[in-house]
Amino acid sequence: MTALWIAHVTVTDAEAYGRYAKEAGPAIAAHGGVFLARGGRYHQLEGNDRARNVVARFPSLDAAVACYHSTEYQAALAHAKGASERDLVIVEETPPATE
């Protein structure tokens, strides 16, 4: 079953966060991740407003978790630490209803 990586981010250092984004993209792709949304328009309805929202689909929950813990992603993440406030969750997708 596929899984969604959902991040809500407030960038506090654009230069450092840019380095994160540049390195994180290939690391995510290497684990089968495909971006569905990456910082586009949004409308906050509830909870904390974070100006950058990212959604990536992975082939499985395990693939998404492995990506997060990979050497490549952790190297990219080092640039985001101190350059952003982030919330990140990985959620297994619900299969489509069959009729």
PDB file of N, CA and C in Angstrom:
ATOM      1  N   MET A   1       0.845  -1.170   0.000  1.00  0.00           N
ATOM      2  CA  MET A   1       0.000   0.000   0.000  1.00  0.00           C
ATOM      3  C   MET A   1       0.898   1.244   0.000  1.00  0.00           C
ATOM      4  N   THR A   2       0.541   2.234  -0.790  1.00  0.00           N
ATOM      5  CA  THR A   2       1.335   3.457  -0.867  1.00  0.00           C
ATOM      6  C   THR A   2       1.201   4.279   0.411  1.00  0.00           C
ATOM      7  N   ALA A   3       2.121   5.228   0.576  1.00  0.00           N
ATOM      8  CA  ALA A   3       2.123   6.082   1.764  1.00  0.00           C
ATOM      9  C   ALA A   3       2.426   7.510   1.353  1.00  0.00           C
ATOM     10  N   LEU A   4       1.912   8.448   2.134  1.00  0.00           N
ATOM     11  CA  LEU A   4       2.144   9.869   1.900  1.00  0.00           C
ATOM     12  C   LEU A   4       3.046  10.427   2.986  1.00  0.00           C
ATOM     13  N   TRP A   5       4.027  11.195   2.548  1.00  0.00           N
ATOM     14  CA  TRP A   5       4.960  11.928   3.417  1.00  0.00           C
ATOM     15  C   TRP A   5       4.420  13.350   3.397  1.00  0.00           C
ATOM     16  N   ILE A   6       3.964  13.847   4.527  1.00  0.00           N
ATOM     17  CA  ILE A   6       3.319  15.152   4.591  1.00  0.00           C
ATOM     18  C   ILE A   6       4.119  16.047   5.531  1.00  0.00           C
ATOM     19  N   ALA A   7       4.628  17.143   4.992  1.00  0.00           N
ATOM     20  CA  ALA A   7       5.438  18.075   5.781  1.00  0.00           C
ATOM     21  C   ALA A   7       4.812  19.454   5.747  1.00  0.00           C
ATOM     22  N   HIS A   8       4.783  20.090   6.893  1.00  0.00           N
ATOM     23  CA  HIS A   8       4.338  21.476   7.031  1.00  0.00           C
ATOM     24  C   HIS A   8       5.532  22.242   7.593  1.00  0.00           C
ATOM     25  N   VAL A   9       5.967  23.291   6.882  1.00  0.00           N
ATOM     26  CA  VAL A   9       7.255  23.917   7.178  1.00  0.00           C
ATOM     27  C   VAL A   9       7.146  25.434   7.226  1.00  0.00           C
ATOM     28  N   THR A  10       7.812  26.025   8.195  1.00  0.00           N
ATOM     29  CA  THR A  10       8.080  27.454   8.215  1.00  0.00           C
ATOM     30  C   THR A  10       9.581  27.605   8.018  1.00  0.00           C
ATOM     31  N   VAL A  11       9.976  28.230   6.930  1.00  0.00           N
ATOM     32  CA  VAL A  11      11.396  28.412   6.623  1.00  0.00           C
ATOM     33  C   VAL A  11      11.890  29.663   7.348  1.00  0.00           C
ATOM     34  N   THR A  12      12.993  29.514   8.091  1.00  0.00           N
ATOM     35  CA  THR A  12      13.568  30.646   8.823  1.00  0.00           C
ATOM     36  C   THR A  12      14.905  31.100   8.232  1.00  0.00           C
ATOM     37  N   ASP A  13      15.504  30.263   7.386  1.00  0.00           N
ATOM     38  CA  ASP A  13      16.755  30.594   6.701  1.00  0.00           C
ATOM     39  C   ASP A  13      16.652  30.038   5.288  1.00  0.00           C
ATOM     40  N   ALA A  14      16.262  30.887   4.341  1.00  0.00           N
ATOM     41  CA  ALA A  14      15.979  30.440   2.973  1.00  0.00           C
ATOM     42  C   ALA A  14      17.195  29.827   2.288  1.00  0.00           C
ATOM     43  N   GLU A  15      18.374  30.377   2.515  1.00  0.00           N
ATOM     44  CA  GLU A  15      19.586  29.863   1.865  1.00  0.00           C
ATOM     45  C   GLU A  15      19.883  28.432   2.320  1.00  0.00           C
ATOM     46  N   ALA A  16      19.889  28.215   3.625  1.00  0.00           N
ATOM     47  CA  ALA A  16      20.165  26.873   4.150  1.00  0.00           C
ATOM     48  C   ALA A  16      19.055  25.909   3.765  1.00  0.00           C
ATOM     49  N   TYR A  17      17.815  26.363   3.801  1.00  0.00           N
ATOM     50  CA  TYR A  17      16.705  25.485   3.444  1.00  0.00           C
ATOM     51  C   TYR A  17      16.759  25.124   1.964  1.00  0.00           C
ATOM     52  N   GLY A  18      17.230  26.031   1.145  1.00  0.00           N
ATOM     53  CA  GLY A  18      17.411  25.751  -0.274  1.00  0.00           C
ATOM     54  C   GLY A  18      18.391  24.616  -0.495  1.00  0.00           C
ATOM     55  N   ARG A  19      19.454  24.573   0.314  1.00  0.00           N
ATOM     56  CA  ARG A  19      20.413  23.463   0.219  1.00  0.00           C
ATOM     57  C   ARG A  19      19.732  22.147   0.607  1.00  0.00           C
ATOM     58  N   TYR A  20      18.896  22.203   1.650  1.00  0.00           N
ATOM     59  CA  TYR A  20      18.142  21.017   2.045  1.00  0.00           C
ATOM     60  C   TYR A  20      17.275  20.527   0.882  1.00  0.00           C
ATOM     61  N   ALA A  21      16.486  21.435   0.300  1.00  0.00           N
ATOM     62  CA  ALA A  21      15.562  21.050  -0.767  1.00  0.00           C
ATOM     63  C   ALA A  21      16.308  20.464  -1.968  1.00  0.00           C
ATOM     64  N   LYS A  22      17.451  21.036  -2.291  1.00  0.00           N
ATOM     65  CA  LYS A  22      18.243  20.563  -3.431  1.00  0.00           C
ATOM     66  C   LYS A  22      18.722  19.127  -3.214  1.00  0.00           C
ATOM     67  N   GLU A  23      19.119  18.807  -1.990  1.00  0.00           N
ATOM     68  CA  GLU A  23      19.625  17.468  -1.689  1.00  0.00           C
ATOM     69  C   GLU A  23      18.506  16.482  -1.351  1.00  0.00           C
ATOM     70  N   ALA A  24      17.431  16.973  -0.757  1.00  0.00           N
ATOM     71  CA  ALA A  24      16.350  16.081  -0.337  1.00  0.00           C
ATOM     72  C   ALA A  24      15.606  15.491  -1.529  1.00  0.00           C
ATOM     73  N   GLY A  25      15.412  16.273  -2.583  1.00  0.00           N
ATOM     74  CA  GLY A  25      14.676  15.794  -3.753  1.00  0.00           C
ATOM     75  C   GLY A  25      15.244  14.502  -4.324  1.00  0.00           C
ATOM     76  N   PRO A  26      16.542  14.459  -4.630  1.00  0.00           N
ATOM     77  CA  PRO A  26      17.118  13.211  -5.146  1.00  0.00           C
ATOM     78  C   PRO A  26      17.049  12.056  -4.145  1.00  0.00           C
ATOM     79  N   ALA A  27      17.207  12.336  -2.862  1.00  0.00           N
ATOM     80  CA  ALA A  27      17.129  11.276  -1.848  1.00  0.00           C
ATOM     81  C   ALA A  27      15.718  10.689  -1.814  1.00  0.00           C
ATOM     82  N   ILE A  28      14.724  11.549  -1.900  1.00  0.00           N
ATOM     83  CA  ILE A  28      13.330  11.090  -1.906  1.00  0.00           C
ATOM     84  C   ILE A  28      13.050  10.280  -3.172  1.00  0.00           C
ATOM     85  N   ALA A  29      13.493  10.771  -4.315  1.00  0.00           N
ATOM     86  CA  ALA A  29      13.286  10.053  -5.580  1.00  0.00           C
ATOM     87  C   ALA A  29      13.976   8.689  -5.566  1.00  0.00           C
ATOM     88  N   ALA A  30      15.142   8.604  -4.947  1.00  0.00           N
ATOM     89  CA  ALA A  30      15.883   7.340  -4.894  1.00  0.00           C
ATOM     90  C   ALA A  30      15.128   6.257  -4.128  1.00  0.00           C
ATOM     91  N   HIS A  31      14.200   6.664  -3.280  1.00  0.00           N
ATOM     92  CA  HIS A  31      13.395   5.716  -2.510  1.00  0.00           C
ATOM     93  C   HIS A  31      11.991   5.562  -3.093  1.00  0.00           C
ATOM     94  N   GLY A  32      11.817   6.007  -4.324  1.00  0.00           N
ATOM     95  CA  GLY A  32      10.529   5.850  -5.000  1.00  0.00           C
ATOM     96  C   GLY A  32       9.536   6.949  -4.718  1.00  0.00           C
ATOM     97  N   GLY A  33       9.963   8.012  -4.032  1.00  0.00           N
ATOM     98  CA  GLY A  33       9.063   9.112  -3.704  1.00  0.00           C
ATOM     99  C   GLY A  33       8.815  10.018  -4.898  1.00  0.00           C
ATOM    100  N   VAL A  34       7.576  10.458  -5.033  1.00  0.00           N
ATOM    101  CA  VAL A  34       7.164  11.376  -6.093  1.00  0.00           C
ATOM    102  C   VAL A  34       6.409  12.530  -5.440  1.00  0.00           C
ATOM    103  N   PHE A  35       6.811  13.756  -5.746  1.00  0.00           N
ATOM    104  CA  PHE A  35       6.143  14.912  -5.146  1.00  0.00           C
ATOM    105  C   PHE A  35       4.766  15.124  -5.758  1.00  0.00           C
ATOM    106  N   LEU A  36       3.769  15.297  -4.906  1.00  0.00           N
ATOM    107  CA  LEU A  36       2.410  15.629  -5.329  1.00  0.00           C
ATOM    108  C   LEU A  36       2.132  17.109  -5.104  1.00  0.00           C
ATOM    109  N   ALA A  37       2.740  17.672  -4.085  1.00  0.00           N
ATOM    110  CA  ALA A  37       2.626  19.104  -3.780  1.00  0.00           C
ATOM    111  C   ALA A  37       3.943  19.527  -3.161  1.00  0.00           C
ATOM    112  N   ARG A  38       4.396  20.721  -3.547  1.00  0.00           N
ATOM    113  CA  ARG A  38       5.694  21.175  -3.034  1.00  0.00           C
ATOM    114  C   ARG A  38       5.691  22.693  -2.971  1.00  0.00           C
ATOM    115  N   GLY A  39       5.059  23.228  -1.922  1.00  0.00           N
ATOM    116  CA  GLY A  39       5.102  24.660  -1.690  1.00  0.00           C
ATOM    117  C   GLY A  39       4.139  25.487  -2.514  1.00  0.00           C
ATOM    118  N   GLY A  40       3.105  24.893  -3.072  1.00  0.00           N
ATOM    119  CA  GLY A  40       2.144  25.641  -3.877  1.00  0.00           C
ATOM    120  C   GLY A  40       1.136  26.403  -3.025  1.00  0.00           C
ATOM    121  N   ARG A  41       0.150  26.932  -3.706  1.00  0.00           N
ATOM    122  CA  ARG A  41      -0.916  27.669  -3.013  1.00  0.00           C
ATOM    123  C   ARG A  41      -1.634  26.751  -2.034  1.00  0.00           C
ATOM    124  N   TYR A  42      -2.120  27.332  -0.943  1.00  0.00           N
ATOM    125  CA  TYR A  42      -2.857  26.555   0.054  1.00  0.00           C
ATOM    126  C   TYR A  42      -3.821  27.469   0.785  1.00  0.00           C
ATOM    127  N   HIS A  43      -4.726  26.878   1.524  1.00  0.00           N
ATOM    128  CA  HIS A  43      -5.668  27.635   2.351  1.00  0.00           C
ATOM    129  C   HIS A  43      -5.714  26.945   3.712  1.00  0.00           C
ATOM    130  N   GLN A  44      -5.207  27.596   4.735  1.00  0.00           N
ATOM    131  CA  GLN A  44      -5.159  27.026   6.078  1.00  0.00           C
ATOM    132  C   GLN A  44      -6.549  27.087   6.707  1.00  0.00           C
ATOM    133  N   LEU A  45      -7.076  25.970   7.137  1.00  0.00           N
ATOM    134  CA  LEU A  45      -8.402  25.931   7.749  1.00  0.00           C
ATOM    135  C   LEU A  45      -8.353  25.696   9.255  1.00  0.00           C
ATOM    136  N   GLU A  46      -7.403  24.894   9.712  1.00  0.00           N
ATOM    137  CA  GLU A  46      -7.291  24.610  11.146  1.00  0.00           C
ATOM    138  C   GLU A  46      -5.821  24.404  11.497  1.00  0.00           C
ATOM    139  N   GLY A  47      -5.502  24.520  12.768  1.00  0.00           N
ATOM    140  CA  GLY A  47      -4.159  24.214  13.243  1.00  0.00           C
ATOM    141  C   GLY A  47      -3.160  25.306  12.932  1.00  0.00           C
ATOM    142  N   ASN A  48      -1.886  24.940  13.063  1.00  0.00           N
ATOM    143  CA  ASN A  48      -0.790  25.882  12.869  1.00  0.00           C
ATOM    144  C   ASN A  48      -0.552  26.157  11.392  1.00  0.00           C
ATOM    145  N   ASP A  49      -0.448  27.424  11.053  1.00  0.00           N
ATOM    146  CA  ASP A  49      -0.176  27.818   9.676  1.00  0.00           C
ATOM    147  C   ASP A  49       1.319  27.721   9.414  1.00  0.00           C
ATOM    148  N   ARG A  50       1.681  26.952   8.406  1.00  0.00           N
ATOM    149  CA  ARG A  50       3.068  26.840   7.947  1.00  0.00           C
ATOM    150  C   ARG A  50       3.043  27.155   6.457  1.00  0.00           C
ATOM    151  N   ALA A  51       3.867  28.084   6.030  1.00  0.00           N
ATOM    152  CA  ALA A  51       3.787  28.604   4.665  1.00  0.00           C
ATOM    153  C   ALA A  51       4.216  27.608   3.591  1.00  0.00           C
ATOM    154  N   ARG A  52       4.944  26.567   3.952  1.00  0.00           N
ATOM    155  CA  ARG A  52       5.392  25.588   2.951  1.00  0.00           C
ATOM    156  C   ARG A  52       4.799  24.229   3.307  1.00  0.00           C
ATOM    157  N   ASN A  53       4.093  23.646   2.362  1.00  0.00           N
ATOM    158  CA  ASN A  53       3.457  22.346   2.560  1.00  0.00           C
ATOM    159  C   ASN A  53       3.920  21.415   1.452  1.00  0.00           C
ATOM    160  N   VAL A  54       4.372  20.240   1.837  1.00  0.00           N
ATOM    161  CA  VAL A  54       4.937  19.290   0.883  1.00  0.00           C
ATOM    162  C   VAL A  54       4.274  17.929   1.085  1.00  0.00           C
ATOM    163  N   VAL A  55       3.876  17.315  -0.027  1.00  0.00           N
ATOM    164  CA  VAL A  55       3.316  15.962   0.003  1.00  0.00           C
ATOM    165  C   VAL A  55       4.048  15.140  -1.046  1.00  0.00           C
ATOM    166  N   ALA A  56       4.555  13.990  -0.629  1.00  0.00           N
ATOM    167  CA  ALA A  56       5.197  13.060  -1.556  1.00  0.00           C
ATOM    168  C   ALA A  56       4.573  11.688  -1.362  1.00  0.00           C
ATOM    169  N   ARG A  57       4.390  10.974  -2.457  1.00  0.00           N
ATOM    170  CA  ARG A  57       3.865   9.601  -2.391  1.00  0.00           C
ATOM    171  C   ARG A  57       5.031   8.631  -2.550  1.00  0.00           C
ATOM    172  N   PHE A  58       5.031   7.624  -1.679  1.00  0.00           N
ATOM    173  CA  PHE A  58       6.035   6.559  -1.722  1.00  0.00           C
ATOM    174  C   PHE A  58       5.348   5.230  -2.010  1.00  0.00           C
ATOM    175  N   PRO A  59       6.082   4.256  -2.528  1.00  0.00           N
ATOM    176  CA  PRO A  59       5.470   2.967  -2.834  1.00  0.00           C
ATOM    177  C   PRO A  59       4.922   2.239  -1.603  1.00  0.00           C
ATOM    178  N   SER A  60       5.463   2.569  -0.419  1.00  0.00           N
ATOM    179  CA  SER A  60       5.009   1.916   0.812  1.00  0.00           C
ATOM    180  C   SER A  60       5.418   2.763   2.013  1.00  0.00           C
ATOM    181  N   LEU A  61       4.816   2.473   3.145  1.00  0.00           N
ATOM    182  CA  LEU A  61       5.196   3.128   4.394  1.00  0.00           C
ATOM    183  C   LEU A  61       6.647   2.820   4.717  1.00  0.00           C
ATOM    184  N   ASP A  62       7.039   1.570   4.520  1.00  0.00           N
ATOM    185  CA  ASP A  62       8.426   1.171   4.802  1.00  0.00           C
ATOM    186  C   ASP A  62       9.423   1.944   3.940  1.00  0.00           C
ATOM    187  N   ALA A  63       9.087   2.157   2.657  1.00  0.00           N
ATOM    188  CA  ALA A  63       9.984   2.914   1.768  1.00  0.00           C
ATOM    189  C   ALA A  63      10.126   4.355   2.240  1.00  0.00           C
ATOM    190  N   ALA A  64       9.038   4.956   2.696  1.00  0.00           N
ATOM    191  CA  ALA A  64       9.080   6.340   3.169  1.00  0.00           C
ATOM    192  C   ALA A  64       9.908   6.461   4.447  1.00  0.00           C
ATOM    193  N   VAL A  65       9.728   5.522   5.359  1.00  0.00           N
ATOM    194  CA  VAL A  65      10.500   5.531   6.606  1.00  0.00           C
ATOM    195  C   VAL A  65      11.983   5.282   6.310  1.00  0.00           C
ATOM    196  N   ALA A  66      12.260   4.351   5.398  1.00  0.00           N
ATOM    197  CA  ALA A  66      13.658   4.073   5.024  1.00  0.00           C
ATOM    198  C   ALA A  66      14.300   5.307   4.409  1.00  0.00           C
ATOM    199  N   CYS A  67      13.547   6.042   3.603  1.00  0.00           N
ATOM    200  CA  CYS A  67      14.072   7.268   3.013  1.00  0.00           C
ATOM    201  C   CYS A  67      14.468   8.245   4.105  1.00  0.00           C
ATOM    202  N   TYR A  68      13.574   8.465   5.062  1.00  0.00           N
ATOM    203  CA  TYR A  68      13.852   9.424   6.135  1.00  0.00           C
ATOM    204  C   TYR A  68      15.143   9.063   6.872  1.00  0.00           C
ATOM    205  N   HIS A  69      15.346   7.798   7.128  1.00  0.00           N
ATOM    206  CA  HIS A  69      16.509   7.355   7.901  1.00  0.00           C
ATOM    207  C   HIS A  69      17.759   7.124   7.052  1.00  0.00           C
ATOM    208  N   SER A  70      17.635   7.291   5.726  1.00  0.00           N
ATOM    209  CA  SER A  70      18.784   7.039   4.850  1.00  0.00           C
ATOM    210  C   SER A  70      19.892   8.066   5.071  1.00  0.00           C
ATOM    211  N   THR A  71      21.107   7.657   4.768  1.00  0.00           N
ATOM    212  CA  THR A  71      22.268   8.536   4.883  1.00  0.00           C
ATOM    213  C   THR A  71      22.090   9.790   4.034  1.00  0.00           C
ATOM    214  N   GLU A  72      21.566   9.619   2.812  1.00  0.00           N
ATOM    215  CA  GLU A  72      21.403  10.743   1.891  1.00  0.00           C
ATOM    216  C   GLU A  72      20.398  11.758   2.420  1.00  0.00           C
ATOM    217  N   TYR A  73      19.261  11.265   2.921  1.00  0.00           N
ATOM    218  CA  TYR A  73      18.251  12.199   3.417  1.00  0.00           C
ATOM    219  C   TYR A  73      18.723  12.881   4.702  1.00  0.00           C
ATOM    220  N   GLN A  74      19.362  12.142   5.581  1.00  0.00           N
ATOM    221  CA  GLN A  74      19.846  12.732   6.827  1.00  0.00           C
ATOM    222  C   GLN A  74      20.894  13.813   6.550  1.00  0.00           C
ATOM    223  N   ALA A  75      21.717  13.625   5.518  1.00  0.00           N
ATOM    224  CA  ALA A  75      22.684  14.661   5.137  1.00  0.00           C
ATOM    225  C   ALA A  75      21.947  15.913   4.664  1.00  0.00           C
ATOM    226  N   ALA A  76      20.885  15.732   3.890  1.00  0.00           N
ATOM    227  CA  ALA A  76      20.088  16.877   3.440  1.00  0.00           C
ATOM    228  C   ALA A  76      19.404  17.544   4.625  1.00  0.00           C
ATOM    229  N   LEU A  77      18.850  16.734   5.521  1.00  0.00           N
ATOM    230  CA  LEU A  77      18.107  17.247   6.671  1.00  0.00           C
ATOM    231  C   LEU A  77      18.976  18.114   7.575  1.00  0.00           C
ATOM    232  N   ALA A  78      20.255  17.862   7.603  1.00  0.00           N
ATOM    233  CA  ALA A  78      21.157  18.674   8.422  1.00  0.00           C
ATOM    234  C   ALA A  78      21.080  20.148   8.038  1.00  0.00           C
ATOM    235  N   HIS A  79      20.806  20.436   6.758  1.00  0.00           N
ATOM    236  CA  HIS A  79      20.665  21.828   6.309  1.00  0.00           C
ATOM    237  C   HIS A  79      19.361  22.463   6.807  1.00  0.00           C
ATOM    238  N   ALA A  80      18.320  21.651   6.984  1.00  0.00           N
ATOM    239  CA  ALA A  80      17.015  22.172   7.414  1.00  0.00           C
ATOM    240  C   ALA A  80      16.975  22.456   8.906  1.00  0.00           C
ATOM    241  N   LYS A  81      17.764  21.723   9.669  1.00  0.00           N
ATOM    242  CA  LYS A  81      17.770  21.936  11.120  1.00  0.00           C
ATOM    243  C   LYS A  81      18.342  23.314  11.421  1.00  0.00           C
ATOM    244  N   GLY A  82      17.606  24.092  12.162  1.00  0.00           N
ATOM    245  CA  GLY A  82      18.007  25.462  12.449  1.00  0.00           C
ATOM    246  C   GLY A  82      17.616  26.434  11.346  1.00  0.00           C
ATOM    247  N   ALA A  83      17.139  25.920  10.217  1.00  0.00           N
ATOM    248  CA  ALA A  83      16.723  26.768   9.103  1.00  0.00           C
ATOM    249  C   ALA A  83      15.222  26.687   8.867  1.00  0.00           C
ATOM    250  N   SER A  84      14.537  25.915   9.731  1.00  0.00           N
ATOM    251  CA  SER A  84      13.098  25.742   9.555  1.00  0.00           C
ATOM    252  C   SER A  84      12.467  25.181  10.819  1.00  0.00           C
ATOM    253  N   GLU A  85      11.155  25.365  10.897  1.00  0.00           N
ATOM    254  CA  GLU A  85      10.329  24.691  11.897  1.00  0.00           C
ATOM    255  C   GLU A  85       9.456  23.750  11.085  1.00  0.00           C
ATOM    256  N   ARG A  86       9.479  22.455  11.429  1.00  0.00           N
ATOM    257  CA  ARG A  86       8.820  21.466  10.582  1.00  0.00           C
ATOM    258  C   ARG A  86       7.969  20.503  11.390  1.00  0.00           C
ATOM    259  N   ASP A  87       6.905  20.080  10.767  1.00  0.00           N
ATOM    260  CA  ASP A  87       6.128  18.936  11.235  1.00  0.00           C
ATOM    261  C   ASP A  87       6.136  17.956  10.071  1.00  0.00           C
ATOM    262  N   LEU A  88       6.398  16.695  10.348  1.00  0.00           N
ATOM    263  CA  LEU A  88       6.455  15.686   9.287  1.00  0.00           C
ATOM    264  C   LEU A  88       5.761  14.427   9.784  1.00  0.00           C
ATOM    265  N   VAL A  89       4.876  13.900   8.949  1.00  0.00           N
ATOM    266  CA  VAL A  89       4.194  12.649   9.265  1.00  0.00           C
ATOM    267  C   VAL A  89       4.163  11.807   7.994  1.00  0.00           C
ATOM    268  N   ILE A  90       4.229  10.498   8.171  1.00  0.00           N
ATOM    269  CA  ILE A  90       4.082   9.570   7.063  1.00  0.00           C
ATOM    270  C   ILE A  90       2.807   8.772   7.339  1.00  0.00           C
ATOM    271  N   VAL A  91       1.903   8.761   6.355  1.00  0.00           N
ATOM    272  CA  VAL A  91       0.597   8.139   6.527  1.00  0.00           C
ATOM    273  C   VAL A  91       0.352   7.138   5.405  1.00  0.00           C
ATOM    274  N   GLU A  92      -0.040   5.949   5.773  1.00  0.00           N
ATOM    275  CA  GLU A  92      -0.379   4.962   4.755  1.00  0.00           C
ATOM    276  C   GLU A  92      -1.690   5.375   4.089  1.00  0.00           C
ATOM    277  N   GLU A  93      -1.707   5.299   2.765  1.00  0.00           N
ATOM    278  CA  GLU A  93      -2.915   5.684   2.030  1.00  0.00           C
ATOM    279  C   GLU A  93      -4.005   4.632   2.186  1.00  0.00           C
ATOM    280  N   THR A  94      -5.239   5.099   2.154  1.00  0.00           N
ATOM    281  CA  THR A  94      -6.389   4.211   2.169  1.00  0.00           C
ATOM    282  C   THR A  94      -6.615   3.717   0.749  1.00  0.00           C
ATOM    283  N   PRO A  95      -6.792   2.431   0.577  1.00  0.00           N
ATOM    284  CA  PRO A  95      -7.028   1.962  -0.788  1.00  0.00           C
ATOM    285  C   PRO A  95      -8.354   2.507  -1.325  1.00  0.00           C
ATOM    286  N   PRO A  96      -8.441   2.676  -2.638  1.00  0.00           N
ATOM    287  CA  PRO A  96      -9.689   3.183  -3.206  1.00  0.00           C
ATOM    288  C   PRO A  96     -10.841   2.212  -2.929  1.00  0.00           C
ATOM    289  N   ALA A  97     -12.010   2.774  -2.725  1.00  0.00           N
ATOM    290  CA  ALA A  97     -13.196   1.942  -2.486  1.00  0.00           C
ATOM    291  C   ALA A  97     -13.552   1.184  -3.750  1.00  0.00           C
ATOM    292  N   THR A  98     -13.923  -0.045  -3.587  1.00  0.00           N
ATOM    293  CA  THR A  98     -14.367  -0.825  -4.733  1.00  0.00           C
ATOM    294  C   THR A  98     -15.883  -0.943  -4.693  1.00  0.00           C
ATOM    295  N   GLU A  99     -16.458  -0.897  -5.858  1.00  0.00           N
ATOM    296  CA  GLU A  99     -17.931  -0.967  -5.916  1.00  0.00           C
ATOM    297  C   GLU A  99     -18.368  -2.284  -6.440  1.00  0.00           C
TER     298      GLU A  99
END
